[in-house]
C-alpha atoms as a PDB file:
ATOM      1  CA  ALA A   1    -105.171  -7.452 -82.136  1.00  0.00           C
ATOM      2  CA  VAL A   2    -104.543  -4.942 -79.340  1.00  0.00           C
ATOM      3  CA  VAL A   3    -103.338  -7.704 -77.001  1.00  0.00           C
ATOM      4  CA  SER A   4    -101.014  -9.079 -79.673  1.00  0.00           C
ATOM      5  CA  THR A   5     -99.576  -5.613 -80.303  1.00  0.00           C
ATOM      6  CA  GLN A   6     -99.116  -5.146 -76.545  1.00  0.00           C
ATOM      7  CA  SER A   7     -97.231  -8.442 -76.291  1.00  0.00           C
ATOM      8  CA  THR A   8     -95.055  -7.683 -79.332  1.00  0.00           C
ATOM      9  CA  GLY A   9     -94.259  -4.225 -77.971  1.00  0.00           C
ATOM     10  CA  GLU A  10     -93.449  -5.689 -74.578  1.00  0.00           C
ATOM     11  CA  GLN A  11     -91.062  -8.214 -76.144  1.00  0.00           C
ATOM     12  CA  ALA A  12     -89.252  -5.411 -78.006  1.00  0.00           C
ATOM     13  CA  TYR A  13     -89.026  -3.450 -74.748  1.00  0.00           C
ATOM     14  CA  VAL A  14     -87.578  -6.474 -72.908  1.00  0.00           C
ATOM     15  CA  ASP A  15     -85.035  -6.865 -75.725  1.00  0.00           C
ATOM     16  CA  ASP A  16     -84.014  -3.208 -75.299  1.00  0.00           C
ATOM     17  CA  LEU A  17     -83.675  -3.634 -71.536  1.00  0.00           C
ATOM     18  CA  LYS A  18     -81.543  -6.729 -72.067  1.00  0.00           C
ATOM     19  CA  ALA A  19     -79.262  -4.768 -74.412  1.00  0.00           C
ATOM     20  CA  ILE A  20     -78.805  -2.102 -71.732  1.00  0.00           C
ATOM     21  CA  VAL A  21     -78.077  -4.627 -68.986  1.00  0.00           C
ATOM     22  CA  THR A  22     -75.857  -7.037 -70.915  1.00  0.00           C
ATOM     23  CA  GLY A  23     -74.484  -4.782 -73.641  1.00  0.00           C
ATOM     24  CA  TYR A  24     -73.575  -1.853 -71.425  1.00  0.00           C
ATOM     25  CA  LYS A  25     -73.931  -2.404 -67.664  1.00  0.00           C
ATOM     26  CA  GLU A  26     -72.376  -5.875 -67.465  1.00  0.00           C
ATOM     27  CA  ARG A  27     -69.600  -4.896 -69.875  1.00  0.00           C
ATOM     28  CA  ILE A  28     -68.766  -1.862 -67.778  1.00  0.00           C
ATOM     29  CA  GLU A  29     -68.665  -4.013 -64.651  1.00  0.00           C
ATOM     30  CA  THR A  30     -66.551  -6.817 -66.130  1.00  0.00           C
ATOM     31  CA  SER A  31     -64.353  -5.357 -68.867  1.00  0.00           C
ATOM     32  CA  PRO A  32     -60.725  -4.669 -67.912  1.00  0.00           C
ATOM     33  CA  ASP A  33     -60.697  -1.990 -70.651  1.00  0.00           C
ATOM     34  CA  CYS A  34     -63.493   0.030 -69.050  1.00  0.00           C
ATOM     35  CA  PRO A  35     -62.452   3.366 -67.526  1.00  0.00           C
ATOM     36  CA  LYS A  36     -62.684   3.443 -63.739  1.00  0.00           C
ATOM     37  CA  ILE A  37     -64.996   6.472 -63.804  1.00  0.00           C
ATOM     38  CA  LEU A  38     -67.659   4.331 -65.501  1.00  0.00           C
ATOM     39  CA  LYS A  39     -67.115   1.330 -63.197  1.00  0.00           C
ATOM     40  CA  CYS A  40     -67.468   3.562 -60.133  1.00  0.00           C
ATOM     41  CA  ASN A  41     -70.704   5.158 -61.387  1.00  0.00           C
ATOM     42  CA  THR A  42     -72.848   2.252 -62.620  1.00  0.00           C
ATOM     43  CA  GLY A  43     -75.443   3.012 -59.921  1.00  0.00           C
ATOM     44  CA  THR A  44     -75.719   6.589 -61.118  1.00  0.00           C
ATOM     45  CA  ILE A  45     -75.783   5.638 -64.788  1.00  0.00           C
ATOM     46  CA  PHE A  46     -78.201   2.717 -64.655  1.00  0.00           C
ATOM     47  CA  GLY A  47     -80.189   3.178 -61.458  1.00  0.00           C
ATOM     48  CA  ASN A  48     -82.346   0.102 -60.880  1.00  0.00           C
ATOM     49  CA  ILE A  49     -82.600  -0.862 -64.561  1.00  0.00           C
ATOM     50  CA  GLU A  50     -81.674  -4.448 -63.713  1.00  0.00           C
ATOM     51  CA  ASP A  51     -84.687  -4.753 -61.386  1.00  0.00           C
ATOM     52  CA  ILE A  52     -86.941  -3.395 -64.128  1.00  0.00           C
ATOM     53  CA  TYR A  53     -85.437  -5.809 -66.665  1.00  0.00           C
ATOM     54  CA  ASN A  54     -85.838  -8.815 -64.353  1.00  0.00           C
ATOM     55  CA  PHE A  55     -89.470  -7.936 -63.609  1.00  0.00           C
ATOM     56  CA  HIS A  56     -90.385  -7.523 -67.270  1.00  0.00           C
ATOM     57  CA  CYS A  57     -88.346 -10.486 -68.478  1.00  0.00           C
ATOM     58  CA  LYS A  58     -89.250 -13.018 -65.789  1.00  0.00           C
ATOM     59  CA  ILE A  59     -92.749 -11.991 -64.714  1.00  0.00           C
ATOM     60  CA  PHE A  60     -94.624  -9.372 -66.709  1.00  0.00           C
ATOM     61  CA  LEU A  61     -93.910 -10.541 -70.267  1.00  0.00           C
ATOM     62  CA  ALA A  62     -94.827 -14.151 -69.415  1.00  0.00           C
ATOM     63  CA  ASP A  63     -98.033 -13.005 -67.672  1.00  0.00           C
ATOM     64  CA  LEU A  64     -98.911 -10.817 -70.632  1.00  0.00           C
ATOM     65  CA  GLN A  65     -98.335 -13.639 -73.118  1.00  0.00           C
ATOM     66  CA  ARG A  66    -100.494 -16.011 -71.035  1.00  0.00           C
ATOM     67  CA  SER A  67    -103.243 -13.389 -70.872  1.00  0.00           C
ATOM     68  CA  MET A  68    -103.450 -13.351 -74.668  1.00  0.00           C
ATOM     69  CA  GLU A  69    -105.245 -16.688 -74.465  1.00  0.00           C
ATOM     70  CA  SER A  70    -107.874 -15.396 -72.056  1.00  0.00           C
ATOM     71  CA  ALA A  71    -107.870 -11.730 -73.128  1.00  0.00           C
ATOM     72  CA  SER A  72    -107.368 -10.671 -69.493  1.00  0.00           C
ATOM     73  CA  VAL A  73    -104.666  -8.063 -70.051  1.00  0.00           C
ATOM     74  CA  GLY A  74    -106.192  -5.724 -67.478  1.00  0.00           C
ATOM     75  CA  ALA A  75    -105.782  -8.396 -64.811  1.00  0.00           C
ATOM     76  CA  VAL A  76    -102.068  -8.664 -65.647  1.00  0.00           C
ATOM     77  CA  PHE A  77    -101.600  -4.964 -64.971  1.00  0.00           C
ATOM     78  CA  SER A  78    -103.648  -4.958 -61.756  1.00  0.00           C
ATOM     79  CA  THR A  79    -101.871  -8.092 -60.446  1.00  0.00           C
ATOM     80  CA  ASN A  80     -98.484  -6.486 -61.042  1.00  0.00           C
ATOM     81  CA  ILE A  81     -99.344  -2.910 -60.078  1.00  0.00           C
ATOM     82  CA  LYS A  82     -96.979  -2.815 -57.064  1.00  0.00           C
ATOM     83  CA  ASN A  83     -94.056  -3.907 -59.263  1.00  0.00           C
ATOM     84  CA  PHE A  84     -94.404  -0.727 -61.279  1.00  0.00           C
ATOM     85  CA  ASP A  85     -93.369   1.262 -58.178  1.00  0.00           C
ATOM     86  CA  MET A  86     -89.761   0.493 -59.119  1.00  0.00           C
ATOM     87  CA  TYR A  87     -90.182   2.967 -61.982  1.00  0.00           C
ATOM     88  CA  ALA A  88     -90.467   5.819 -59.454  1.00  0.00           C
ATOM     89  CA  THR A  89     -86.965   4.994 -58.207  1.00  0.00           C
ATOM     90  CA  TYR A  90     -85.686   4.808 -61.777  1.00  0.00           C
ATOM     91  CA  CYS A  91     -87.270   8.111 -62.771  1.00  0.00           C
ATOM     92  CA  LYS A  92     -85.886   9.868 -59.670  1.00  0.00           C
ATOM     93  CA  ASN A  93     -82.381   8.735 -60.645  1.00  0.00           C
ATOM     94  CA  LYS A  94     -82.739   9.614 -64.338  1.00  0.00           C
ATOM     95  CA  PRO A  95     -81.607  13.287 -64.054  1.00  0.00           C
ATOM     96  CA  HIS A  96     -78.433  12.139 -62.239  1.00  0.00           C
ATOM     97  CA  SER A  97     -77.781   9.605 -64.988  1.00  0.00           C
ATOM     98  CA  GLU A  98     -78.284  12.208 -67.709  1.00  0.00           C
ATOM     99  CA  ASN A  99     -76.068  14.703 -65.898  1.00  0.00           C
ATOM    100  CA  PHE A 100     -73.256  12.166 -65.528  1.00  0.00           C
ATOM    101  CA  LEU A 101     -73.437  10.917 -69.131  1.00  0.00           C
ATOM    102  CA  SER A 102     -73.577  14.438 -70.562  1.00  0.00           C
ATOM    103  CA  GLY A 103     -70.346  15.236 -68.727  1.00  0.00           C
ATOM    104  CA  VAL A 104     -68.297  12.366 -70.151  1.00  0.00           C
ATOM    105  CA  GLU A 105     -67.250  11.481 -73.669  1.00  0.00           C
ATOM    106  CA  MET A 106     -66.334   7.841 -73.528  1.00  0.00           C
ATOM    107  CA  PRO A 107     -64.958   5.847 -76.431  1.00  0.00           C
ATOM    108  CA  PHE A 108     -65.795   2.748 -74.358  1.00  0.00           C
ATOM    109  CA  LEU A 109     -69.531   3.550 -74.522  1.00  0.00           C
ATOM    110  CA  SER A 110     -69.270   4.315 -78.241  1.00  0.00           C
ATOM    111  CA  GLN A 111     -67.621   0.926 -78.744  1.00  0.00           C
ATOM    112  CA  CYS A 112     -70.438  -0.817 -76.856  1.00  0.00           C
ATOM    113  CA  GLN A 113     -72.978   1.023 -79.024  1.00  0.00           C
ATOM    114  CA  LYS A 114     -71.148  -0.028 -82.185  1.00  0.00           C
ATOM    115  CA  GLU A 115     -70.945  -3.678 -81.090  1.00  0.00           C
ATOM    116  CA  LEU A 116     -74.675  -3.685 -80.332  1.00  0.00           C
ATOM    117  CA  ASN A 117     -75.397  -2.156 -83.765  1.00  0.00           C
ATOM    118  CA  HIS A 118     -77.421   0.563 -82.056  1.00  0.00           C
ATOM    119  CA  VAL A 119     -78.168   3.746 -83.938  1.00  0.00           C
ATOM    120  CA  LEU A 120     -79.089   5.440 -80.653  1.00  0.00           C
ATOM    121  CA  ASP A 121     -76.625   6.073 -77.824  1.00  0.00           C
ATOM    122  CA  LEU A 122     -76.877   4.769 -74.257  1.00  0.00           C
ATOM    123  CA  SER A 123     -78.668   7.899 -73.012  1.00  0.00           C
ATOM    124  CA  SER A 124     -81.435   7.304 -75.540  1.00  0.00           C
ATOM    125  CA  TYR A 125     -81.835   3.698 -74.429  1.00  0.00           C
ATOM    126  CA  LEU A 126     -81.905   4.726 -70.779  1.00  0.00           C
ATOM    127  CA  LEU A 127     -84.881   6.972 -71.600  1.00  0.00           C
ATOM    128  CA  LYS A 128     -86.968   3.986 -72.738  1.00  0.00           C
ATOM    129  CA  PRO A 129     -88.201   2.978 -69.238  1.00  0.00           C
ATOM    130  CA  VAL A 130     -89.390   6.556 -68.634  1.00  0.00           C
ATOM    131  CA  GLN A 131     -91.252   6.502 -71.953  1.00  0.00           C
ATOM    132  CA  ARG A 132     -92.608   3.012 -71.296  1.00  0.00           C
ATOM    133  CA  ILE A 133     -94.114   3.760 -67.893  1.00  0.00           C
ATOM    134  CA  MET A 134     -96.016   6.609 -69.512  1.00  0.00           C
ATOM    135  CA  LYS A 135     -97.581   4.124 -71.941  1.00  0.00           C
ATOM    136  CA  TYR A 136     -98.737   1.954 -69.051  1.00  0.00           C
ATOM    137  CA  HIS A 137    -100.209   4.926 -67.186  1.00  0.00           C
END
């Protein structure tokens, strides 16, 4: 039951990361309606969130789901331990992201939030990797 809960929680986390990457970051980068200040600051806002998303989506979630059959969840974590180093980079950038987002009121971001049907704003979603790495620790 613990392994199943871990896998379900991981899938929800991957879904949240995907919403950040596709629902916010990619829209900022590609939308002609996006203010230039956002386009010029995607690195500050998102850090290496795309790397984290790709790792969890393409490697970790699949490994975790496969481990459910053999109940070797611990091995999944130890095999991927080096990949979790990317969270240090993300966490170091997080104060810069928060500082930038607290200084701007952007209807564009509110529109993205509305289209994603998110109750929480982008800043709240960007906190999820910080919260998640603490669960793994």
